[in-house]
Amino acid sequence: MIDKMKIYRDTEIPNKAVFVYLYLCDRACKDESSCFPTIKTIGRDLNISESTVKRAIRELEKREYIDKENRFRKNGGKTSNIYYIL
């Protein structure tokens, strides 16, 4: 089970990173705590820019709230990342 409350105790994390974290938690598969929305989808759904989403994801990785893994198509092209809620 994902403990969403832990991020509220972190007073140093930017608000946009909190929004992105909660979004990823809501999108995560309950059994695996993972999801794979695109940067564009996250930005559109939260009404923030793609660069803001990328900064938030870097911050969440740095603070070990999430882990990110690149995903690739069979032809070698990059697709959306998979995010694991830690």
PDB file of N, CA and C in Angstrom:
ATOM      1  N   MET A   1       0.836  -1.181   0.000  1.00  0.00           N
ATOM      2  CA  MET A   1       0.000   0.000   0.000  1.00  0.00           C
ATOM      3  C   MET A   1       0.882   1.246   0.000  1.00  0.00           C
ATOM      4  N   ILE A   2       0.475   2.239  -0.725  1.00  0.00           N
ATOM      5  CA  ILE A   2       1.237   3.475  -0.854  1.00  0.00           C
ATOM      6  C   ILE A   2       0.887   4.422   0.289  1.00  0.00           C
ATOM      7  N   ASP A   3       1.921   4.929   0.961  1.00  0.00           N
ATOM      8  CA  ASP A   3       1.730   5.889   2.050  1.00  0.00           C
ATOM      9  C   ASP A   3       1.884   7.302   1.489  1.00  0.00           C
ATOM     10  N   LYS A   4       0.774   7.902   1.075  1.00  0.00           N
ATOM     11  CA  LYS A   4       0.807   9.243   0.494  1.00  0.00           C
ATOM     12  C   LYS A   4       1.129  10.317   1.532  1.00  0.00           C
ATOM     13  N   MET A   5       0.910  10.035   2.787  1.00  0.00           N
ATOM     14  CA  MET A   5       1.087  11.044   3.834  1.00  0.00           C
ATOM     15  C   MET A   5       2.547  11.414   4.069  1.00  0.00           C
ATOM     16  N   LYS A   6       3.481  10.535   3.742  1.00  0.00           N
ATOM     17  CA  LYS A   6       4.886  10.809   4.032  1.00  0.00           C
ATOM     18  C   LYS A   6       5.389  12.053   3.312  1.00  0.00           C
ATOM     19  N   ILE A   7       4.850  12.366   2.158  1.00  0.00           N
ATOM     20  CA  ILE A   7       5.338  13.522   1.413  1.00  0.00           C
ATOM     21  C   ILE A   7       4.924  14.831   2.094  1.00  0.00           C
ATOM     22  N   TYR A   8       3.855  14.815   2.855  1.00  0.00           N
ATOM     23  CA  TYR A   8       3.412  16.028   3.553  1.00  0.00           C
ATOM     24  C   TYR A   8       4.353  16.411   4.688  1.00  0.00           C
ATOM     25  N   ARG A   9       5.093  15.450   5.216  1.00  0.00           N
ATOM     26  CA  ARG A   9       6.045  15.736   6.293  1.00  0.00           C
ATOM     27  C   ARG A   9       7.344  16.344   5.781  1.00  0.00           C
ATOM     28  N   ASP A  10       7.561  16.261   4.466  1.00  0.00           N
ATOM     29  CA  ASP A  10       8.770  16.798   3.837  1.00  0.00           C
ATOM     30  C   ASP A  10       8.523  18.268   3.499  1.00  0.00           C
ATOM     31  N   THR A  11       8.988  19.162   4.345  1.00  0.00           N
ATOM     32  CA  THR A  11       8.726  20.587   4.164  1.00  0.00           C
ATOM     33  C   THR A  11       9.633  21.234   3.120  1.00  0.00           C
ATOM     34  N   GLU A  12      10.628  20.525   2.633  1.00  0.00           N
ATOM     35  CA  GLU A  12      11.583  21.074   1.672  1.00  0.00           C
ATOM     36  C   GLU A  12      11.177  20.824   0.212  1.00  0.00           C
ATOM     37  N   ILE A  13      10.223  19.965  -0.021  1.00  0.00           N
ATOM     38  CA  ILE A  13       9.887  19.580  -1.394  1.00  0.00           C
ATOM     39  C   ILE A  13       8.948  20.615  -2.034  1.00  0.00           C
ATOM     40  N   PRO A  14       9.203  20.980  -3.283  1.00  0.00           N
ATOM     41  CA  PRO A  14       8.340  21.959  -3.960  1.00  0.00           C
ATOM     42  C   PRO A  14       6.907  21.453  -4.135  1.00  0.00           C
ATOM     43  N   ASN A  15       5.964  22.377  -4.140  1.00  0.00           N
ATOM     44  CA  ASN A  15       4.543  22.025  -4.268  1.00  0.00           C
ATOM     45  C   ASN A  15       4.242  21.252  -5.543  1.00  0.00           C
ATOM     46  N   LYS A  16       4.855  21.650  -6.652  1.00  0.00           N
ATOM     47  CA  LYS A  16       4.585  20.962  -7.923  1.00  0.00           C
ATOM     48  C   LYS A  16       5.040  19.507  -7.854  1.00  0.00           C
ATOM     49  N   ALA A  17       6.128  19.238  -7.140  1.00  0.00           N
ATOM     50  CA  ALA A  17       6.594  17.855  -6.978  1.00  0.00           C
ATOM     51  C   ALA A  17       5.582  17.050  -6.162  1.00  0.00           C
ATOM     52  N   VAL A  18       4.971  17.685  -5.175  1.00  0.00           N
ATOM     53  CA  VAL A  18       3.925  17.016  -4.381  1.00  0.00           C
ATOM     54  C   VAL A  18       2.749  16.663  -5.287  1.00  0.00           C
ATOM     55  N   PHE A  19       2.327  17.606  -6.143  1.00  0.00           N
ATOM     56  CA  PHE A  19       1.213  17.350  -7.061  1.00  0.00           C
ATOM     57  C   PHE A  19       1.524  16.170  -7.978  1.00  0.00           C
ATOM     58  N   VAL A  20       2.739  16.156  -8.525  1.00  0.00           N
ATOM     59  CA  VAL A  20       3.129  15.074  -9.435  1.00  0.00           C
ATOM     60  C   VAL A  20       3.174  13.743  -8.684  1.00  0.00           C
ATOM     61  N   TYR A  21       3.713  13.749  -7.467  1.00  0.00           N
ATOM     62  CA  TYR A  21       3.777  12.526  -6.664  1.00  0.00           C
ATOM     63  C   TYR A  21       2.377  11.971  -6.399  1.00  0.00           C
ATOM     64  N   LEU A  22       1.469  12.820  -5.972  1.00  0.00           N
ATOM     65  CA  LEU A  22       0.104  12.373  -5.689  1.00  0.00           C
ATOM     66  C   LEU A  22      -0.583  11.868  -6.959  1.00  0.00           C
ATOM     67  N   TYR A  23      -0.312  12.521  -8.077  1.00  0.00           N
ATOM     68  CA  TYR A  23      -0.850  12.072  -9.362  1.00  0.00           C
ATOM     69  C   TYR A  23      -0.347  10.662  -9.684  1.00  0.00           C
ATOM     70  N   LEU A  24       0.968  10.455  -9.542  1.00  0.00           N
ATOM     71  CA  LEU A  24       1.538   9.137  -9.824  1.00  0.00           C
ATOM     72  C   LEU A  24       0.976   8.075  -8.874  1.00  0.00           C
ATOM     73  N   CYS A  25       0.791   8.446  -7.612  1.00  0.00           N
ATOM     74  CA  CYS A  25       0.203   7.507  -6.644  1.00  0.00           C
ATOM     75  C   CYS A  25      -1.204   7.107  -7.067  1.00  0.00           C
ATOM     76  N   ASP A  26      -1.981   8.073  -7.515  1.00  0.00           N
ATOM     77  CA  ASP A  26      -3.353   7.784  -7.934  1.00  0.00           C
ATOM     78  C   ASP A  26      -3.402   6.932  -9.198  1.00  0.00           C
ATOM     79  N   ARG A  27      -2.423   7.087 -10.072  1.00  0.00           N
ATOM     80  CA  ARG A  27      -2.374   6.328 -11.314  1.00  0.00           C
ATOM     81  C   ARG A  27      -1.738   4.945 -11.157  1.00  0.00           C
ATOM     82  N   ALA A  28      -1.063   4.716 -10.040  1.00  0.00           N
ATOM     83  CA  ALA A  28      -0.304   3.477  -9.849  1.00  0.00           C
ATOM     84  C   ALA A  28      -1.215   2.265  -9.724  1.00  0.00           C
ATOM     85  N   CYS A  29      -0.745   1.152 -10.278  1.00  0.00           N
ATOM     86  CA  CYS A  29      -1.418  -0.131 -10.097  1.00  0.00           C
ATOM     87  C   CYS A  29      -1.307  -0.485  -8.618  1.00  0.00           C
ATOM     88  N   LYS A  30      -2.383  -0.869  -8.031  1.00  0.00           N
ATOM     89  CA  LYS A  30      -2.398  -1.120  -6.588  1.00  0.00           C
ATOM     90  C   LYS A  30      -1.488  -2.271  -6.173  1.00  0.00           C
ATOM     91  N   ASP A  31      -1.328  -3.280  -7.020  1.00  0.00           N
ATOM     92  CA  ASP A  31      -0.514  -4.436  -6.639  1.00  0.00           C
ATOM     93  C   ASP A  31       0.981  -4.209  -6.855  1.00  0.00           C
ATOM     94  N   GLU A  32       1.360  -3.345  -7.783  1.00  0.00           N
ATOM     95  CA  GLU A  32       2.763  -3.150  -8.093  1.00  0.00           C
ATOM     96  C   GLU A  32       3.300  -1.774  -7.721  1.00  0.00           C
ATOM     97  N   SER A  33       2.445  -0.837  -7.406  1.00  0.00           N
ATOM     98  CA  SER A  33       2.842   0.544  -7.123  1.00  0.00           C
ATOM     99  C   SER A  33       3.650   1.134  -8.269  1.00  0.00           C
ATOM    100  N   SER A  34       3.188   0.894  -9.486  1.00  0.00           N
ATOM    101  CA  SER A  34       3.860   1.435 -10.663  1.00  0.00           C
ATOM    102  C   SER A  34       2.832   1.986 -11.640  1.00  0.00           C
ATOM    103  N   CYS A  35       3.282   2.927 -12.468  1.00  0.00           N
ATOM    104  CA  CYS A  35       2.434   3.477 -13.511  1.00  0.00           C
ATOM    105  C   CYS A  35       3.324   3.996 -14.636  1.00  0.00           C
ATOM    106  N   PHE A  36       2.736   4.323 -15.773  1.00  0.00           N
ATOM    107  CA  PHE A  36       3.549   4.743 -16.900  1.00  0.00           C
ATOM    108  C   PHE A  36       2.898   5.835 -17.753  1.00  0.00           C
ATOM    109  N   PRO A  37       2.429   6.923 -17.129  1.00  0.00           N
ATOM    110  CA  PRO A  37       1.903   8.025 -17.933  1.00  0.00           C
ATOM    111  C   PRO A  37       3.062   8.786 -18.602  1.00  0.00           C
ATOM    112  N   THR A  38       2.790   9.407 -19.729  1.00  0.00           N
ATOM    113  CA  THR A  38       3.807  10.215 -20.383  1.00  0.00           C
ATOM    114  C   THR A  38       3.943  11.559 -19.671  1.00  0.00           C
ATOM    115  N   ILE A  39       5.060  12.215 -19.900  1.00  0.00           N
ATOM    116  CA  ILE A  39       5.283  13.560 -19.356  1.00  0.00           C
ATOM    117  C   ILE A  39       4.174  14.491 -19.846  1.00  0.00           C
ATOM    118  N   LYS A  40       3.838  14.366 -21.118  1.00  0.00           N
ATOM    119  CA  LYS A  40       2.789  15.198 -21.707  1.00  0.00           C
ATOM    120  C   LYS A  40       1.448  14.980 -21.014  1.00  0.00           C
ATOM    121  N   THR A  41       1.107  13.735 -20.738  1.00  0.00           N
ATOM    122  CA  THR A  41      -0.162  13.415 -20.069  1.00  0.00           C
ATOM    123  C   THR A  41      -0.186  13.983 -18.658  1.00  0.00           C
ATOM    124  N   ILE A  42       0.900  13.826 -17.926  1.00  0.00           N
ATOM    125  CA  ILE A  42       0.970  14.368 -16.559  1.00  0.00           C
ATOM    126  C   ILE A  42       0.777  15.877 -16.599  1.00  0.00           C
ATOM    127  N   GLY A  43       1.507  16.543 -17.489  1.00  0.00           N
ATOM    128  CA  GLY A  43       1.399  17.999 -17.609  1.00  0.00           C
ATOM    129  C   GLY A  43      -0.002  18.453 -17.964  1.00  0.00           C
ATOM    130  N   ARG A  44      -0.613  17.757 -18.921  1.00  0.00           N
ATOM    131  CA  ARG A  44      -1.969  18.115 -19.344  1.00  0.00           C
ATOM    132  C   ARG A  44      -2.968  17.918 -18.205  1.00  0.00           C
ATOM    133  N   ASP A  45      -2.874  16.775 -17.534  1.00  0.00           N
ATOM    134  CA  ASP A  45      -3.825  16.477 -16.463  1.00  0.00           C
ATOM    135  C   ASP A  45      -3.670  17.413 -15.264  1.00  0.00           C
ATOM    136  N   LEU A  46      -2.441  17.853 -14.985  1.00  0.00           N
ATOM    137  CA  LEU A  46      -2.206  18.737 -13.834  1.00  0.00           C
ATOM    138  C   LEU A  46      -2.162  20.213 -14.219  1.00  0.00           C
ATOM    139  N   ASN A  47      -2.290  20.477 -15.518  1.00  0.00           N
ATOM    140  CA  ASN A  47      -2.249  21.849 -16.028  1.00  0.00           C
ATOM    141  C   ASN A  47      -0.931  22.553 -15.678  1.00  0.00           C
ATOM    142  N   ILE A  48       0.184  21.833 -15.881  1.00  0.00           N
ATOM    143  CA  ILE A  48       1.520  22.393 -15.691  1.00  0.00           C
ATOM    144  C   ILE A  48       2.356  22.036 -16.922  1.00  0.00           C
ATOM    145  N   SER A  49       3.453  22.753 -17.124  1.00  0.00           N
ATOM    146  CA  SER A  49       4.285  22.529 -18.306  1.00  0.00           C
ATOM    147  C   SER A  49       5.061  21.214 -18.205  1.00  0.00           C
ATOM    148  N   GLU A  50       5.483  20.730 -19.353  1.00  0.00           N
ATOM    149  CA  GLU A  50       6.269  19.501 -19.390  1.00  0.00           C
ATOM    150  C   GLU A  50       7.606  19.685 -18.667  1.00  0.00           C
ATOM    151  N   SER A  51       8.201  20.862 -18.783  1.00  0.00           N
ATOM    152  CA  SER A  51       9.477  21.102 -18.084  1.00  0.00           C
ATOM    153  C   SER A  51       9.281  21.102 -16.571  1.00  0.00           C
ATOM    154  N   THR A  52       8.139  21.572 -16.103  1.00  0.00           N
ATOM    155  CA  THR A  52       7.834  21.533 -14.675  1.00  0.00           C
ATOM    156  C   THR A  52       7.652  20.093 -14.215  1.00  0.00           C
ATOM    157  N   VAL A  53       7.014  19.278 -15.033  1.00  0.00           N
ATOM    158  CA  VAL A  53       6.847  17.855 -14.711  1.00  0.00           C
ATOM    159  C   VAL A  53       8.210  17.190 -14.606  1.00  0.00           C
ATOM    160  N   LYS A  54       9.094  17.465 -15.554  1.00  0.00           N
ATOM    161  CA  LYS A  54      10.434  16.868 -15.546  1.00  0.00           C
ATOM    162  C   LYS A  54      11.214  17.281 -14.304  1.00  0.00           C
ATOM    163  N   ARG A  55      11.141  18.560 -13.928  1.00  0.00           N
ATOM    164  CA  ARG A  55      11.813  19.022 -12.706  1.00  0.00           C
ATOM    165  C   ARG A  55      11.254  18.322 -11.478  1.00  0.00           C
ATOM    166  N   ALA A  56       9.946  18.182 -11.422  1.00  0.00           N
ATOM    167  CA  ALA A  56       9.300  17.520 -10.283  1.00  0.00           C
ATOM    168  C   ALA A  56       9.731  16.064 -10.195  1.00  0.00           C
ATOM    169  N   ILE A  57       9.796  15.385 -11.325  1.00  0.00           N
ATOM    170  CA  ILE A  57      10.205  13.981 -11.336  1.00  0.00           C
ATOM    171  C   ILE A  57      11.653  13.849 -10.876  1.00  0.00           C
ATOM    172  N   ARG A  58      12.538  14.733 -11.338  1.00  0.00           N
ATOM    173  CA  ARG A  58      13.936  14.703 -10.877  1.00  0.00           C
ATOM    174  C   ARG A  58      14.014  14.896  -9.363  1.00  0.00           C
ATOM    175  N   GLU A  59      13.220  15.820  -8.845  1.00  0.00           N
ATOM    176  CA  GLU A  59      13.193  16.077  -7.399  1.00  0.00           C
ATOM    177  C   GLU A  59      12.686  14.853  -6.636  1.00  0.00           C
ATOM    178  N   LEU A  60      11.646  14.221  -7.137  1.00  0.00           N
ATOM    179  CA  LEU A  60      11.087  13.034  -6.485  1.00  0.00           C
ATOM    180  C   LEU A  60      12.076  11.872  -6.509  1.00  0.00           C
ATOM    181  N   GLU A  61      12.807  11.740  -7.602  1.00  0.00           N
ATOM    182  CA  GLU A  61      13.846  10.701  -7.675  1.00  0.00           C
ATOM    183  C   GLU A  61      14.968  10.993  -6.688  1.00  0.00           C
ATOM    184  N   LYS A  62      15.395  12.243  -6.645  1.00  0.00           N
ATOM    185  CA  LYS A  62      16.481  12.656  -5.749  1.00  0.00           C
ATOM    186  C   LYS A  62      16.132  12.378  -4.287  1.00  0.00           C
ATOM    187  N   ARG A  63      14.891  12.625  -3.941  1.00  0.00           N
ATOM    188  CA  ARG A  63      14.447  12.426  -2.554  1.00  0.00           C
ATOM    189  C   ARG A  63      13.933  11.006  -2.300  1.00  0.00           C
ATOM    190  N   GLU A  64      14.049  10.146  -3.305  1.00  0.00           N
ATOM    191  CA  GLU A  64      13.700   8.723  -3.212  1.00  0.00           C
ATOM    192  C   GLU A  64      12.221   8.457  -2.904  1.00  0.00           C
ATOM    193  N   TYR A  65      11.364   9.266  -3.516  1.00  0.00           N
ATOM    194  CA  TYR A  65       9.929   8.998  -3.450  1.00  0.00           C
ATOM    195  C   TYR A  65       9.508   8.083  -4.593  1.00  0.00           C
ATOM    196  N   ILE A  66      10.217   8.191  -5.718  1.00  0.00           N
ATOM    197  CA  ILE A  66       9.926   7.358  -6.882  1.00  0.00           C
ATOM    198  C   ILE A  66      11.233   6.868  -7.495  1.00  0.00           C
ATOM    199  N   ASP A  67      11.104   5.852  -8.331  1.00  0.00           N
ATOM    200  CA  ASP A  67      12.194   5.386  -9.170  1.00  0.00           C
ATOM    201  C   ASP A  67      11.643   5.349 -10.585  1.00  0.00           C
ATOM    202  N   LYS A  68      12.471   5.713 -11.546  1.00  0.00           N
ATOM    203  CA  LYS A  68      12.031   5.795 -12.941  1.00  0.00           C
ATOM    204  C   LYS A  68      12.844   4.819 -13.781  1.00  0.00           C
ATOM    205  N   GLU A  69      12.167   4.153 -14.705  1.00  0.00           N
ATOM    206  CA  GLU A  69      12.840   3.221 -15.614  1.00  0.00           C
ATOM    207  C   GLU A  69      12.411   3.544 -17.037  1.00  0.00           C
ATOM    208  N   ASN A  70      13.371   3.648 -17.943  1.00  0.00           N
ATOM    209  CA  ASN A  70      13.054   3.897 -19.345  1.00  0.00           C
ATOM    210  C   ASN A  70      12.407   2.666 -19.964  1.00  0.00           C
ATOM    211  N   ARG A  71      11.469   2.894 -20.874  1.00  0.00           N
ATOM    212  CA  ARG A  71      10.821   1.800 -21.602  1.00  0.00           C
ATOM    213  C   ARG A  71      11.034   2.035 -23.094  1.00  0.00           C
ATOM    214  N   PHE A  72      11.162   0.931 -23.833  1.00  0.00           N
ATOM    215  CA  PHE A  72      11.406   1.020 -25.266  1.00  0.00           C
ATOM    216  C   PHE A  72      10.455   0.113 -26.028  1.00  0.00           C
ATOM    217  N   ARG A  73      10.122   0.537 -27.243  1.00  0.00           N
ATOM    218  CA  ARG A  73       9.297  -0.279 -28.134  1.00  0.00           C
ATOM    219  C   ARG A  73      10.156  -1.385 -28.736  1.00  0.00           C
ATOM    220  N   LYS A  74       9.538  -2.342 -29.393  1.00  0.00           N
ATOM    221  CA  LYS A  74      10.268  -3.441 -30.027  1.00  0.00           C
ATOM    222  C   LYS A  74      11.220  -2.950 -31.107  1.00  0.00           C
ATOM    223  N   ASN A  75      10.869  -1.819 -31.750  1.00  0.00           N
ATOM    224  CA  ASN A  75      11.730  -1.283 -32.798  1.00  0.00           C
ATOM    225  C   ASN A  75      12.862  -0.411 -32.238  1.00  0.00           C
ATOM    226  N   GLY A  76      12.957  -0.318 -30.911  1.00  0.00           N
ATOM    227  CA  GLY A  76      14.019   0.452 -30.275  1.00  0.00           C
ATOM    228  C   GLY A  76      13.647   1.872 -29.919  1.00  0.00           C
ATOM    229  N   GLY A  77      12.487   2.345 -30.372  1.00  0.00           N
ATOM    230  CA  GLY A  77      12.042   3.697 -30.052  1.00  0.00           C
ATOM    231  C   GLY A  77      11.645   3.824 -28.585  1.00  0.00           C
ATOM    232  N   LYS A  78      11.875   5.002 -28.020  1.00  0.00           N
ATOM    233  CA  LYS A  78      11.547   5.242 -26.617  1.00  0.00           C
ATOM    234  C   LYS A  78      10.049   5.487 -26.475  1.00  0.00           C
ATOM    235  N   THR A  79       9.479   4.960 -25.424  1.00  0.00           N
ATOM    236  CA  THR A  79       8.079   5.209 -25.088  1.00  0.00           C
ATOM    237  C   THR A  79       8.043   5.806 -23.678  1.00  0.00           C
ATOM    238  N   SER A  80       6.915   5.840 -23.046  1.00  0.00           N
ATOM    239  CA  SER A  80       6.818   6.460 -21.722  1.00  0.00           C
ATOM    240  C   SER A  80       7.670   5.702 -20.701  1.00  0.00           C
ATOM    241  N   ASN A  81       8.099   6.416 -19.683  1.00  0.00           N
ATOM    242  CA  ASN A  81       8.845   5.800 -18.583  1.00  0.00           C
ATOM    243  C   ASN A  81       7.868   5.035 -17.705  1.00  0.00           C
ATOM    244  N   ILE A  82       8.411   4.114 -16.934  1.00  0.00           N
ATOM    245  CA  ILE A  82       7.601   3.483 -15.890  1.00  0.00           C
ATOM    246  C   ILE A  82       8.086   4.041 -14.562  1.00  0.00           C
ATOM    247  N   TYR A  83       7.164   4.435 -13.720  1.00  0.00           N
ATOM    248  CA  TYR A  83       7.475   5.043 -12.426  1.00  0.00           C
ATOM    249  C   TYR A  83       7.066   4.080 -11.325  1.00  0.00           C
ATOM    250  N   TYR A  84       7.974   3.851 -10.396  1.00  0.00           N
ATOM    251  CA  TYR A  84       7.712   3.006  -9.235  1.00  0.00           C
ATOM    252  C   TYR A  84       7.625   3.891  -8.003  1.00  0.00           C
ATOM    253  N   ILE A  85       6.558   3.767  -7.266  1.00  0.00           N
ATOM    254  CA  ILE A  85       6.381   4.506  -6.015  1.00  0.00           C
ATOM    255  C   ILE A  85       7.142   3.732  -4.930  1.00  0.00           C
ATOM    256  N   LEU A  86       8.081   4.401  -4.287  1.00  0.00           N
ATOM    257  CA  LEU A  86       8.911   3.737  -3.269  1.00  0.00           C
ATOM    258  C   LEU A  86       8.307   3.838  -1.883  1.00  0.00           C
TER     259      LEU A  86
END
